[in-house]
Amino acid sequence: SSSLDLMLADLKRSGLGMPEAKRLGMNPMSAGAVTALTKGAIKQPAYKIPYFDADGKITKYYRLRLLEDTGDGTGSFKGAKSGGQRYWQPPSTLPRLYLPPVLKSPWSKIAKDTKILIVITEGEKKSVTACLKGVPCVGIGGVWSFQSKKKQVVLIPDLEAFDWKSRDVELCFDSDVSERPDLMAALYKLARELIKRGARVARVDLPDRKSTRLNS
């Protein structure tokens, strides 16, 4: 299967397709192109997910969603061979917040309006799907991507740009969060940082959307 087929198969799992890919500037890349871009670190097809600033302008930051054709002719895929890695971003870059530019209002306006509830989820595709349904949802690349220990950043600038005081926030991680201490630790650390900044934080587990208030 081509890298385009693999990209579309991956997006389909999140209810997305070519119209959304075009709108969000997601582009399939061959194994050779990925090898060149990553200087040999990754040697398989992928698609590029560019990030946007709060006004919807494309930034230099991006991540690659790695794809590996299973070779069974179905266009199915799995994570990378190396330890199940599924994403890659340029090394030594500070994580960014994924702000899908698909809502009626720009994120720069939403960031200042504390009456608007914000959902924070893991992954770009989930945040796009929520935003397309009218739910203001931002994505972090990984559960710890709200911070950078290496750079001694407790909350990335993209999150600091939001006014959190008296804002309702839902942390919406995958349904297995309760079974994984590493995910729980990340969720509660992010919750603490937002609560420090005045947010009212609730945890919402996918897919059943059970809500647990974390401010206490």
N, C-alpha and C. Protein backbone atom coordinates (compact mmCIF):
# COMPACT_ATOMS: atom_id res chain seq x y z
N SER A 1 0.84 -1.20 0.00
CA SER A 1 0.00 0.00 0.00
C SER A 1 0.88 1.25 0.00
N SER A 2 0.36 2.31 -0.62
CA SER A 2 1.11 3.56 -0.66
C SER A 2 1.01 4.26 0.69
N SER A 3 1.88 5.24 0.90
CA SER A 3 1.84 6.00 2.16
C SER A 3 0.51 6.77 2.27
N LEU A 4 -0.06 7.16 1.12
CA LEU A 4 -1.36 7.83 1.15
C LEU A 4 -2.44 6.88 1.65
N ASP A 5 -2.44 5.64 1.14
CA ASP A 5 -3.43 4.65 1.60
C ASP A 5 -3.30 4.40 3.10
N LEU A 6 -2.05 4.30 3.56
CA LEU A 6 -1.81 4.03 4.98
C LEU A 6 -2.27 5.21 5.84
N MET A 7 -2.02 6.43 5.36
CA MET A 7 -2.47 7.62 6.09
C MET A 7 -3.99 7.64 6.19
N LEU A 8 -4.66 7.37 5.09
CA LEU A 8 -6.13 7.40 5.09
C LEU A 8 -6.71 6.30 5.97
N ALA A 9 -6.05 5.13 6.00
CA ALA A 9 -6.50 4.04 6.87
C ALA A 9 -6.38 4.44 8.33
N ASP A 10 -5.31 5.16 8.66
CA ASP A 10 -5.10 5.61 10.04
C ASP A 10 -6.13 6.67 10.41
N LEU A 11 -6.34 7.64 9.53
CA LEU A 11 -7.29 8.71 9.81
C LEU A 11 -8.72 8.18 9.93
N LYS A 12 -9.04 7.17 9.14
CA LYS A 12 -10.39 6.60 9.14
C LYS A 12 -10.78 6.07 10.51
N ARG A 13 -9.79 5.56 11.25
CA ARG A 13 -10.06 5.04 12.59
C ARG A 13 -10.57 6.12 13.52
N SER A 14 -10.24 7.38 13.21
CA SER A 14 -10.70 8.51 14.03
C SER A 14 -11.87 9.24 13.38
N GLY A 15 -12.44 8.63 12.33
CA GLY A 15 -13.56 9.26 11.66
C GLY A 15 -13.16 10.42 10.77
N LEU A 16 -11.89 10.46 10.37
CA LEU A 16 -11.38 11.55 9.54
C LEU A 16 -11.02 11.00 8.16
N GLY A 17 -10.86 11.90 7.20
CA GLY A 17 -10.54 11.46 5.85
C GLY A 17 -9.74 12.50 5.08
N MET A 18 -9.75 12.40 3.76
CA MET A 18 -8.96 13.30 2.94
C MET A 18 -9.36 14.79 3.09
N PRO A 19 -10.66 15.12 3.19
CA PRO A 19 -10.99 16.55 3.37
C PRO A 19 -10.33 17.16 4.60
N GLU A 20 -10.35 16.40 5.71
CA GLU A 20 -9.72 16.90 6.95
C GLU A 20 -8.20 16.95 6.81
N ALA A 21 -7.63 15.94 6.17
CA ALA A 21 -6.18 15.91 5.96
C ALA A 21 -5.72 17.14 5.17
N LYS A 22 -6.47 17.47 4.11
CA LYS A 22 -6.12 18.65 3.29
C LYS A 22 -6.26 19.93 4.10
N ARG A 23 -7.35 20.01 4.84
CA ARG A 23 -7.62 21.22 5.63
C ARG A 23 -6.54 21.45 6.68
N LEU A 24 -6.00 20.36 7.21
CA LEU A 24 -5.01 20.44 8.30
C LEU A 24 -3.58 20.28 7.81
N GLY A 25 -3.39 20.21 6.49
CA GLY A 25 -2.03 20.15 5.94
C GLY A 25 -1.29 18.88 6.22
N MET A 26 -2.03 17.78 6.48
CA MET A 26 -1.37 16.49 6.74
C MET A 26 -0.95 15.87 5.42
N ASN A 27 0.32 15.50 5.33
CA ASN A 27 0.83 14.98 4.07
C ASN A 27 1.51 13.63 4.25
N PRO A 28 1.18 12.63 3.38
CA PRO A 28 1.86 11.33 3.46
C PRO A 28 3.29 11.44 2.96
N MET A 29 4.17 10.63 3.56
CA MET A 29 5.59 10.62 3.18
C MET A 29 6.05 9.19 2.97
N SER A 30 6.81 8.96 1.92
CA SER A 30 7.36 7.63 1.66
C SER A 30 8.46 7.32 2.67
N ALA A 31 8.82 6.04 2.74
CA ALA A 31 9.89 5.63 3.66
C ALA A 31 11.19 6.38 3.36
N GLY A 32 11.47 6.57 2.07
CA GLY A 32 12.69 7.29 1.68
C GLY A 32 12.69 8.73 2.14
N ALA A 33 11.53 9.39 1.98
CA ALA A 33 11.41 10.79 2.40
C ALA A 33 11.55 10.93 3.91
N VAL A 34 10.96 9.97 4.64
CA VAL A 34 11.06 9.99 6.10
C VAL A 34 12.50 9.75 6.55
N THR A 35 13.17 8.81 5.90
CA THR A 35 14.57 8.52 6.22
C THR A 35 15.42 9.77 6.05
N ALA A 36 15.19 10.50 4.96
CA ALA A 36 15.95 11.73 4.71
C ALA A 36 15.64 12.81 5.74
N LEU A 37 14.35 12.99 6.04
CA LEU A 37 13.94 14.04 6.99
C LEU A 37 14.47 13.78 8.39
N THR A 38 14.46 12.51 8.80
CA THR A 38 14.87 12.16 10.17
C THR A 38 16.34 11.79 10.28
N LYS A 39 17.06 12.01 9.17
CA LYS A 39 18.50 11.68 9.12
C LYS A 39 18.77 10.22 9.52
N GLY A 40 17.89 9.33 9.02
CA GLY A 40 18.08 7.90 9.24
C GLY A 40 17.50 7.35 10.52
N ALA A 41 16.92 8.22 11.36
CA ALA A 41 16.36 7.76 12.64
C ALA A 41 15.14 6.88 12.42
N ILE A 42 14.33 7.21 11.41
CA ILE A 42 13.12 6.47 11.09
C ILE A 42 13.18 6.08 9.61
N LYS A 43 12.86 4.83 9.32
CA LYS A 43 12.99 4.35 7.94
C LYS A 43 11.70 3.67 7.48
N GLN A 44 10.61 4.33 7.63
CA GLN A 44 9.33 3.77 7.22
C GLN A 44 8.38 4.89 6.83
N PRO A 45 7.30 4.57 6.12
CA PRO A 45 6.37 5.64 5.73
C PRO A 45 5.71 6.28 6.95
N ALA A 46 5.24 7.48 6.73
CA ALA A 46 4.61 8.25 7.82
C ALA A 46 3.75 9.33 7.18
N TYR A 47 3.04 10.05 8.02
CA TYR A 47 2.48 11.30 7.50
C TYR A 47 2.79 12.42 8.48
N LYS A 48 2.93 13.59 7.91
CA LYS A 48 3.38 14.77 8.66
C LYS A 48 2.16 15.52 9.19
N ILE A 49 2.21 15.85 10.48
CA ILE A 49 1.12 16.61 11.11
C ILE A 49 1.69 17.98 11.51
N PRO A 50 1.42 19.01 10.72
CA PRO A 50 1.91 20.34 11.10
C PRO A 50 1.08 20.92 12.24
N TYR A 51 1.69 21.77 13.03
CA TYR A 51 0.99 22.43 14.13
C TYR A 51 0.69 23.88 13.76
N PHE A 52 -0.31 24.44 14.43
CA PHE A 52 -0.78 25.79 14.13
C PHE A 52 -0.66 26.67 15.38
N ASP A 53 -0.52 27.98 15.14
CA ASP A 53 -0.52 28.90 16.28
C ASP A 53 -1.97 29.25 16.62
N ALA A 54 -2.15 30.11 17.62
CA ALA A 54 -3.50 30.41 18.13
C ALA A 54 -4.36 31.17 17.12
N ASP A 55 -3.74 31.72 16.08
CA ASP A 55 -4.49 32.42 15.03
C ASP A 55 -4.68 31.56 13.80
N GLY A 56 -4.33 30.27 13.90
CA GLY A 56 -4.55 29.35 12.80
C GLY A 56 -3.47 29.35 11.73
N LYS A 57 -2.36 30.03 12.03
CA LYS A 57 -1.25 30.05 11.07
C LYS A 57 -0.34 28.84 11.32
N ILE A 58 0.15 28.26 10.25
CA ILE A 58 1.00 27.07 10.36
C ILE A 58 2.34 27.45 10.98
N THR A 59 2.86 26.60 11.85
CA THR A 59 4.16 26.86 12.49
C THR A 59 5.20 25.90 11.92
N LYS A 60 6.42 26.04 12.37
CA LYS A 60 7.49 25.15 11.92
C LYS A 60 7.47 23.80 12.64
N TYR A 61 6.73 23.75 13.73
CA TYR A 61 6.68 22.52 14.53
C TYR A 61 5.78 21.48 13.86
N TYR A 62 6.19 20.24 13.94
CA TYR A 62 5.38 19.15 13.38
C TYR A 62 5.71 17.86 14.10
N ARG A 63 4.83 16.87 13.89
CA ARG A 63 5.13 15.50 14.33
C ARG A 63 4.85 14.58 13.15
N LEU A 64 5.51 13.42 13.17
CA LEU A 64 5.26 12.39 12.17
C LEU A 64 4.47 11.26 12.81
N ARG A 65 3.39 10.84 12.16
CA ARG A 65 2.69 9.62 12.57
C ARG A 65 3.29 8.49 11.74
N LEU A 66 3.98 7.58 12.40
CA LEU A 66 4.69 6.51 11.70
C LEU A 66 3.72 5.42 11.27
N LEU A 67 3.94 4.91 10.07
CA LEU A 67 3.05 3.89 9.51
C LEU A 67 3.89 2.73 9.00
N GLU A 68 3.37 1.55 9.16
CA GLU A 68 4.08 0.35 8.70
C GLU A 68 3.07 -0.57 8.04
N ASP A 69 3.23 -0.75 6.75
CA ASP A 69 2.30 -1.60 6.01
C ASP A 69 2.47 -3.05 6.47
N THR A 70 1.37 -3.69 6.79
CA THR A 70 1.44 -5.10 7.22
C THR A 70 1.64 -6.05 6.03
N GLY A 71 1.47 -5.50 4.82
CA GLY A 71 1.74 -6.30 3.62
C GLY A 71 0.65 -7.29 3.27
N ASP A 72 -0.53 -7.16 3.90
CA ASP A 72 -1.60 -8.12 3.61
C ASP A 72 -2.59 -7.59 2.57
N GLY A 73 -2.24 -6.45 1.99
CA GLY A 73 -3.07 -5.90 0.93
C GLY A 73 -4.28 -5.12 1.40
N THR A 74 -4.44 -4.98 2.70
CA THR A 74 -5.62 -4.29 3.23
C THR A 74 -5.36 -2.82 3.51
N GLY A 75 -4.10 -2.42 3.41
CA GLY A 75 -3.77 -1.05 3.76
C GLY A 75 -3.75 -0.83 5.26
N SER A 76 -3.77 -1.94 6.01
CA SER A 76 -3.72 -1.80 7.47
C SER A 76 -2.29 -1.46 7.90
N PHE A 77 -2.13 -1.12 9.13
CA PHE A 77 -0.84 -0.61 9.58
C PHE A 77 -0.68 -0.96 11.05
N LYS A 78 0.52 -0.77 11.54
CA LYS A 78 0.77 -0.90 12.98
C LYS A 78 1.85 0.10 13.36
N GLY A 79 2.22 0.12 14.62
CA GLY A 79 3.26 1.04 15.07
C GLY A 79 4.62 0.64 14.52
N ALA A 80 5.58 1.52 14.71
CA ALA A 80 6.92 1.25 14.21
C ALA A 80 7.51 0.01 14.87
N LYS A 81 8.47 -0.60 14.18
CA LYS A 81 9.09 -1.83 14.71
C LYS A 81 9.89 -1.54 15.97
N SER A 82 10.48 -0.36 16.05
CA SER A 82 11.38 -0.06 17.17
C SER A 82 10.59 0.26 18.43
N GLY A 83 10.29 -0.77 19.20
CA GLY A 83 9.65 -0.58 20.50
C GLY A 83 8.23 -0.04 20.42
N GLY A 84 7.58 -0.25 19.28
CA GLY A 84 6.20 0.20 19.16
C GLY A 84 6.04 1.70 19.04
N GLN A 85 7.11 2.43 18.72
CA GLN A 85 7.02 3.88 18.56
C GLN A 85 6.04 4.22 17.44
N ARG A 86 5.14 5.13 17.72
CA ARG A 86 4.13 5.49 16.71
C ARG A 86 4.29 6.91 16.19
N TYR A 87 5.00 7.75 16.95
CA TYR A 87 5.19 9.14 16.55
C TYR A 87 6.65 9.55 16.66
N TRP A 88 7.01 10.56 15.90
CA TRP A 88 8.37 11.12 15.96
C TRP A 88 8.25 12.62 15.82
N GLN A 89 9.07 13.31 16.60
CA GLN A 89 9.16 14.76 16.42
C GLN A 89 10.63 15.14 16.43
N PRO A 90 11.00 16.27 15.81
CA PRO A 90 12.41 16.65 15.77
C PRO A 90 13.00 16.68 17.17
N PRO A 91 14.17 16.06 17.36
CA PRO A 91 14.78 16.00 18.70
C PRO A 91 15.09 17.39 19.24
N SER A 92 15.09 17.49 20.57
CA SER A 92 15.40 18.73 21.30
C SER A 92 14.40 19.85 21.05
N THR A 93 13.20 19.52 20.56
CA THR A 93 12.19 20.56 20.38
C THR A 93 11.24 20.54 21.58
N LEU A 94 10.82 21.72 21.98
CA LEU A 94 9.86 21.84 23.08
C LEU A 94 8.49 21.39 22.57
N PRO A 95 7.78 20.56 23.33
CA PRO A 95 6.45 20.14 22.88
C PRO A 95 5.54 21.34 22.63
N ARG A 96 4.65 21.19 21.69
CA ARG A 96 3.67 22.23 21.40
C ARG A 96 2.27 21.69 21.65
N LEU A 97 1.33 22.60 21.75
CA LEU A 97 -0.08 22.24 21.93
C LEU A 97 -0.73 22.21 20.55
N TYR A 98 -1.45 21.13 20.26
CA TYR A 98 -2.12 21.05 18.96
C TYR A 98 -3.45 21.79 19.04
N LEU A 99 -3.58 22.83 18.23
CA LEU A 99 -4.75 23.69 18.22
C LEU A 99 -5.44 23.56 16.86
N PRO A 100 -6.39 22.64 16.71
CA PRO A 100 -7.02 22.43 15.41
C PRO A 100 -7.71 23.71 14.92
N PRO A 101 -7.35 24.21 13.74
CA PRO A 101 -7.93 25.47 13.25
C PRO A 101 -9.26 25.23 12.54
N VAL A 102 -10.20 24.61 13.24
CA VAL A 102 -11.48 24.24 12.61
C VAL A 102 -12.70 24.80 13.34
N LEU A 103 -12.47 25.51 14.44
CA LEU A 103 -13.60 26.09 15.18
C LEU A 103 -14.00 27.44 14.59
N LYS A 104 -15.20 27.90 14.92
CA LYS A 104 -15.66 29.19 14.39
C LYS A 104 -14.80 30.34 14.93
N SER A 105 -14.44 30.26 16.20
CA SER A 105 -13.59 31.29 16.81
C SER A 105 -12.14 30.86 16.78
N PRO A 106 -11.20 31.82 16.61
CA PRO A 106 -9.79 31.45 16.69
C PRO A 106 -9.40 31.11 18.12
N TRP A 107 -8.37 30.30 18.27
CA TRP A 107 -7.93 29.89 19.61
C TRP A 107 -7.43 31.09 20.42
N SER A 108 -6.93 32.11 19.76
CA SER A 108 -6.45 33.29 20.48
C SER A 108 -7.60 33.95 21.25
N LYS A 109 -8.82 33.89 20.69
CA LYS A 109 -10.00 34.45 21.36
C LYS A 109 -10.48 33.50 22.46
N ILE A 110 -10.52 32.20 22.15
CA ILE A 110 -10.95 31.20 23.13
C ILE A 110 -10.02 31.20 24.35
N ALA A 111 -8.73 31.42 24.11
CA ALA A 111 -7.73 31.40 25.20
C ALA A 111 -8.01 32.45 26.25
N LYS A 112 -8.64 33.56 25.86
CA LYS A 112 -8.90 34.67 26.78
C LYS A 112 -10.30 34.61 27.39
N ASP A 113 -11.19 33.82 26.79
CA ASP A 113 -12.58 33.77 27.26
C ASP A 113 -12.75 32.61 28.24
N THR A 114 -12.70 32.93 29.52
CA THR A 114 -12.71 31.88 30.55
C THR A 114 -14.09 31.23 30.73
N LYS A 115 -15.11 31.76 30.06
CA LYS A 115 -16.44 31.13 30.14
C LYS A 115 -16.49 29.87 29.26
N ILE A 116 -15.52 29.73 28.36
CA ILE A 116 -15.51 28.59 27.44
C ILE A 116 -14.76 27.41 28.08
N LEU A 117 -15.46 26.27 28.18
CA LEU A 117 -14.84 25.05 28.69
C LEU A 117 -13.80 24.55 27.69
N ILE A 118 -12.67 24.12 28.18
CA ILE A 118 -11.61 23.57 27.33
C ILE A 118 -11.42 22.09 27.66
N VAL A 119 -11.37 21.27 26.63
CA VAL A 119 -11.04 19.85 26.80
C VAL A 119 -9.59 19.66 26.36
N ILE A 120 -8.82 18.93 27.16
CA ILE A 120 -7.44 18.60 26.80
C ILE A 120 -7.36 17.09 26.64
N THR A 121 -6.92 16.64 25.47
CA THR A 121 -6.82 15.21 25.21
C THR A 121 -5.43 14.87 24.71
N GLU A 122 -5.15 13.58 24.65
CA GLU A 122 -3.86 13.12 24.12
C GLU A 122 -4.04 12.78 22.65
N GLY A 123 -3.27 13.45 21.79
CA GLY A 123 -3.30 13.14 20.37
C GLY A 123 -4.01 14.17 19.52
N GLU A 124 -3.45 14.39 18.35
CA GLU A 124 -4.00 15.38 17.43
C GLU A 124 -5.35 14.97 16.87
N LYS A 125 -5.48 13.69 16.49
CA LYS A 125 -6.70 13.25 15.81
C LYS A 125 -7.93 13.36 16.71
N LYS A 126 -7.78 13.02 17.98
CA LYS A 126 -8.92 13.12 18.91
C LYS A 126 -9.35 14.58 19.08
N SER A 127 -8.37 15.48 19.13
CA SER A 127 -8.71 16.89 19.30
C SER A 127 -9.43 17.43 18.06
N VAL A 128 -9.00 16.99 16.87
CA VAL A 128 -9.67 17.41 15.63
C VAL A 128 -11.11 16.91 15.62
N THR A 129 -11.31 15.63 15.95
CA THR A 129 -12.65 15.04 15.94
C THR A 129 -13.59 15.79 16.87
N ALA A 130 -13.10 16.14 18.07
CA ALA A 130 -13.92 16.88 19.03
C ALA A 130 -14.25 18.28 18.50
N CYS A 131 -13.24 18.96 17.96
CA CYS A 131 -13.44 20.32 17.45
C CYS A 131 -14.44 20.34 16.29
N LEU A 132 -14.38 19.34 15.45
CA LEU A 132 -15.33 19.26 14.32
C LEU A 132 -16.77 19.10 14.81
N LYS A 133 -16.91 18.61 16.05
CA LYS A 133 -18.24 18.49 16.66
C LYS A 133 -18.58 19.73 17.50
N GLY A 134 -17.71 20.74 17.42
CA GLY A 134 -17.98 22.00 18.12
C GLY A 134 -17.46 22.07 19.54
N VAL A 135 -16.68 21.06 19.97
CA VAL A 135 -16.12 21.04 21.33
C VAL A 135 -14.70 21.60 21.29
N PRO A 136 -14.42 22.72 21.97
CA PRO A 136 -13.06 23.26 21.98
C PRO A 136 -12.10 22.31 22.69
N CYS A 137 -11.32 21.60 21.89
CA CYS A 137 -10.44 20.55 22.42
C CYS A 137 -9.04 20.71 21.86
N VAL A 138 -8.06 20.79 22.76
CA VAL A 138 -6.66 20.89 22.35
C VAL A 138 -5.98 19.55 22.57
N GLY A 139 -4.92 19.30 21.83
CA GLY A 139 -4.23 18.02 21.93
C GLY A 139 -2.79 18.17 22.42
N ILE A 140 -2.37 17.26 23.29
CA ILE A 140 -0.95 17.17 23.64
C ILE A 140 -0.42 15.89 22.99
N GLY A 141 0.80 15.95 22.50
CA GLY A 141 1.36 14.84 21.73
C GLY A 141 1.47 13.54 22.52
N GLY A 142 1.81 13.65 23.78
CA GLY A 142 1.91 12.50 24.67
C GLY A 142 1.46 12.92 26.06
N VAL A 143 1.25 11.98 26.95
CA VAL A 143 0.67 12.34 28.26
C VAL A 143 1.54 13.31 29.05
N TRP A 144 2.86 13.30 28.82
CA TRP A 144 3.75 14.22 29.52
C TRP A 144 4.12 15.44 28.68
N SER A 145 3.49 15.60 27.52
CA SER A 145 3.90 16.68 26.60
C SER A 145 3.39 18.06 26.98
N PHE A 146 2.80 18.19 28.16
CA PHE A 146 2.42 19.51 28.66
C PHE A 146 3.61 20.19 29.33
N GLN A 147 4.72 19.47 29.47
CA GLN A 147 5.89 19.99 30.16
C GLN A 147 7.15 19.55 29.43
N SER A 148 8.30 20.03 29.91
CA SER A 148 9.59 19.54 29.41
C SER A 148 10.57 19.53 30.57
N LYS A 149 10.85 18.32 31.07
CA LYS A 149 11.80 18.21 32.18
C LYS A 149 13.19 18.66 31.76
N LYS A 150 13.58 18.27 30.53
CA LYS A 150 14.91 18.64 30.02
C LYS A 150 15.11 20.14 30.02
N LYS A 151 14.09 20.86 29.62
CA LYS A 151 14.19 22.32 29.52
C LYS A 151 13.64 23.02 30.76
N GLN A 152 13.31 22.23 31.79
CA GLN A 152 12.80 22.74 33.07
C GLN A 152 11.57 23.63 32.88
N VAL A 153 10.66 23.16 32.04
CA VAL A 153 9.40 23.88 31.78
C VAL A 153 8.27 23.06 32.39
N VAL A 154 7.56 23.64 33.37
CA VAL A 154 6.50 22.88 34.06
C VAL A 154 5.20 22.90 33.27
N LEU A 155 4.99 23.95 32.48
CA LEU A 155 3.81 24.04 31.62
C LEU A 155 4.23 24.77 30.35
N ILE A 156 4.06 24.12 29.20
CA ILE A 156 4.56 24.69 27.95
C ILE A 156 3.90 26.04 27.66
N PRO A 157 4.61 26.94 26.97
CA PRO A 157 4.09 28.28 26.70
C PRO A 157 2.71 28.30 26.03
N ASP A 158 2.44 27.33 25.16
CA ASP A 158 1.13 27.28 24.50
C ASP A 158 0.00 27.15 25.51
N LEU A 159 0.25 26.41 26.60
CA LEU A 159 -0.76 26.27 27.65
C LEU A 159 -0.78 27.49 28.57
N GLU A 160 0.39 28.05 28.82
CA GLU A 160 0.48 29.26 29.65
C GLU A 160 -0.25 30.44 28.99
N ALA A 161 -0.41 30.38 27.67
CA ALA A 161 -1.06 31.48 26.94
C ALA A 161 -2.56 31.55 27.21
N PHE A 162 -3.12 30.46 27.75
CA PHE A 162 -4.55 30.46 28.10
C PHE A 162 -4.76 31.11 29.46
N ASP A 163 -5.87 31.80 29.61
CA ASP A 163 -6.29 32.30 30.91
C ASP A 163 -7.11 31.20 31.56
N TRP A 164 -6.58 30.61 32.64
CA TRP A 164 -7.23 29.45 33.27
C TRP A 164 -8.11 29.83 34.46
N LYS A 165 -8.00 31.05 34.94
CA LYS A 165 -8.69 31.43 36.17
C LYS A 165 -10.21 31.25 36.03
N SER A 166 -10.78 30.43 36.91
CA SER A 166 -12.22 30.13 36.95
C SER A 166 -12.73 29.47 35.67
N ARG A 167 -11.85 28.87 34.88
CA ARG A 167 -12.28 28.18 33.66
C ARG A 167 -12.50 26.70 33.97
N ASP A 168 -13.57 26.13 33.40
CA ASP A 168 -13.79 24.69 33.51
C ASP A 168 -12.93 23.97 32.47
N VAL A 169 -12.24 22.94 32.93
CA VAL A 169 -11.35 22.16 32.06
C VAL A 169 -11.65 20.68 32.26
N GLU A 170 -11.72 19.95 31.15
CA GLU A 170 -11.86 18.50 31.23
C GLU A 170 -10.60 17.85 30.66
N LEU A 171 -9.98 16.98 31.45
CA LEU A 171 -8.84 16.20 30.97
C LEU A 171 -9.40 14.87 30.49
N CYS A 172 -9.32 14.66 29.20
CA CYS A 172 -9.98 13.52 28.58
C CYS A 172 -8.93 12.58 27.99
N PHE A 173 -8.47 11.63 28.81
CA PHE A 173 -7.45 10.68 28.37
C PHE A 173 -8.14 9.37 27.98
N ASP A 174 -7.36 8.43 27.49
CA ASP A 174 -7.93 7.16 27.03
C ASP A 174 -8.52 6.37 28.20
N SER A 175 -9.37 5.40 27.85
CA SER A 175 -10.11 4.66 28.88
C SER A 175 -9.23 3.80 29.76
N ASP A 176 -7.99 3.53 29.32
CA ASP A 176 -7.10 2.68 30.13
C ASP A 176 -6.30 3.47 31.15
N VAL A 177 -6.62 4.76 31.32
CA VAL A 177 -5.81 5.62 32.20
C VAL A 177 -5.76 5.07 33.63
N SER A 178 -6.88 4.52 34.12
CA SER A 178 -6.93 4.04 35.50
C SER A 178 -6.05 2.82 35.72
N GLU A 179 -5.75 2.10 34.64
CA GLU A 179 -4.94 0.88 34.76
C GLU A 179 -3.45 1.14 34.63
N ARG A 180 -3.09 2.39 34.34
CA ARG A 180 -1.68 2.69 34.08
C ARG A 180 -1.18 3.82 34.97
N PRO A 181 -0.36 3.50 35.97
CA PRO A 181 0.14 4.52 36.89
C PRO A 181 0.85 5.68 36.19
N ASP A 182 1.55 5.39 35.06
CA ASP A 182 2.28 6.45 34.36
C ASP A 182 1.30 7.48 33.78
N LEU A 183 0.17 6.99 33.26
CA LEU A 183 -0.83 7.91 32.71
C LEU A 183 -1.49 8.71 33.83
N MET A 184 -1.80 8.04 34.95
CA MET A 184 -2.43 8.72 36.08
C MET A 184 -1.52 9.80 36.63
N ALA A 185 -0.23 9.50 36.73
CA ALA A 185 0.73 10.47 37.26
C ALA A 185 0.76 11.72 36.38
N ALA A 186 0.76 11.51 35.06
CA ALA A 186 0.79 12.64 34.13
C ALA A 186 -0.50 13.46 34.25
N LEU A 187 -1.63 12.77 34.28
CA LEU A 187 -2.91 13.46 34.35
C LEU A 187 -3.01 14.32 35.60
N TYR A 188 -2.60 13.77 36.73
CA TYR A 188 -2.72 14.52 37.98
C TYR A 188 -1.70 15.65 38.08
N LYS A 189 -0.54 15.47 37.47
CA LYS A 189 0.45 16.58 37.44
C LYS A 189 -0.09 17.73 36.60
N LEU A 190 -0.65 17.43 35.44
CA LEU A 190 -1.24 18.48 34.61
C LEU A 190 -2.41 19.14 35.34
N ALA A 191 -3.25 18.33 35.98
CA ALA A 191 -4.38 18.89 36.74
C ALA A 191 -3.89 19.86 37.81
N ARG A 192 -2.84 19.46 38.54
CA ARG A 192 -2.31 20.32 39.61
C ARG A 192 -1.83 21.67 39.06
N GLU A 193 -1.14 21.63 37.92
CA GLU A 193 -0.62 22.88 37.33
C GLU A 193 -1.77 23.80 36.90
N LEU A 194 -2.82 23.22 36.35
CA LEU A 194 -3.96 24.04 35.92
C LEU A 194 -4.75 24.57 37.12
N ILE A 195 -4.90 23.73 38.15
CA ILE A 195 -5.60 24.16 39.37
C ILE A 195 -4.84 25.31 40.04
N LYS A 196 -3.50 25.23 40.02
CA LYS A 196 -2.67 26.32 40.57
C LYS A 196 -2.97 27.63 39.86
N ARG A 197 -3.34 27.54 38.60
CA ARG A 197 -3.62 28.74 37.79
C ARG A 197 -5.10 29.12 37.82
N GLY A 198 -5.85 28.45 38.70
CA GLY A 198 -7.23 28.86 38.94
C GLY A 198 -8.30 28.08 38.20
N ALA A 199 -7.91 27.03 37.45
CA ALA A 199 -8.90 26.27 36.68
C ALA A 199 -9.70 25.33 37.57
N ARG A 200 -10.90 25.02 37.12
CA ARG A 200 -11.72 23.98 37.75
C ARG A 200 -11.61 22.75 36.86
N VAL A 201 -10.93 21.74 37.36
CA VAL A 201 -10.53 20.61 36.50
C VAL A 201 -11.31 19.35 36.83
N ALA A 202 -11.78 18.68 35.79
CA ALA A 202 -12.44 17.38 35.93
C ALA A 202 -11.74 16.38 35.02
N ARG A 203 -11.73 15.14 35.44
CA ARG A 203 -11.18 14.06 34.62
C ARG A 203 -12.33 13.35 33.93
N VAL A 204 -12.24 13.19 32.63
CA VAL A 204 -13.27 12.49 31.87
C VAL A 204 -12.61 11.33 31.13
N ASP A 205 -13.07 10.12 31.40
CA ASP A 205 -12.47 8.95 30.76
C ASP A 205 -13.20 8.58 29.48
N LEU A 206 -12.46 8.37 28.40
CA LEU A 206 -13.05 7.83 27.17
C LEU A 206 -13.20 6.32 27.34
N PRO A 207 -14.17 5.67 26.69
CA PRO A 207 -15.20 6.27 25.86
C PRO A 207 -16.50 6.57 26.60
N ASP A 208 -16.54 6.30 27.92
CA ASP A 208 -17.83 6.41 28.60
C ASP A 208 -18.11 7.80 29.16
N ARG A 209 -17.11 8.69 29.07
CA ARG A 209 -17.27 10.09 29.53
C ARG A 209 -17.75 10.18 30.98
N LYS A 210 -17.23 9.31 31.85
CA LYS A 210 -17.48 9.48 33.28
C LYS A 210 -16.60 10.61 33.77
N SER A 211 -17.19 11.52 34.52
CA SER A 211 -16.47 12.72 34.94
C SER A 211 -16.17 12.66 36.43
N THR A 212 -14.92 13.00 36.80
CA THR A 212 -14.51 13.06 38.20
C THR A 212 -13.84 14.41 38.45
N ARG A 213 -14.41 15.20 39.36
CA ARG A 213 -13.83 16.50 39.67
C ARG A 213 -12.52 16.30 40.43
N LEU A 214 -11.45 17.03 39.98
CA LEU A 214 -10.14 16.84 40.59
C LEU A 214 -9.80 17.96 41.59
N ASN A 215 -10.50 19.07 41.54
CA ASN A 215 -10.23 20.13 42.51
C ASN A 215 -10.73 19.70 43.87
N SER A 216 -9.81 19.59 44.82
CA SER A 216 -10.24 19.24 46.18
C SER A 216 -9.14 19.61 47.14
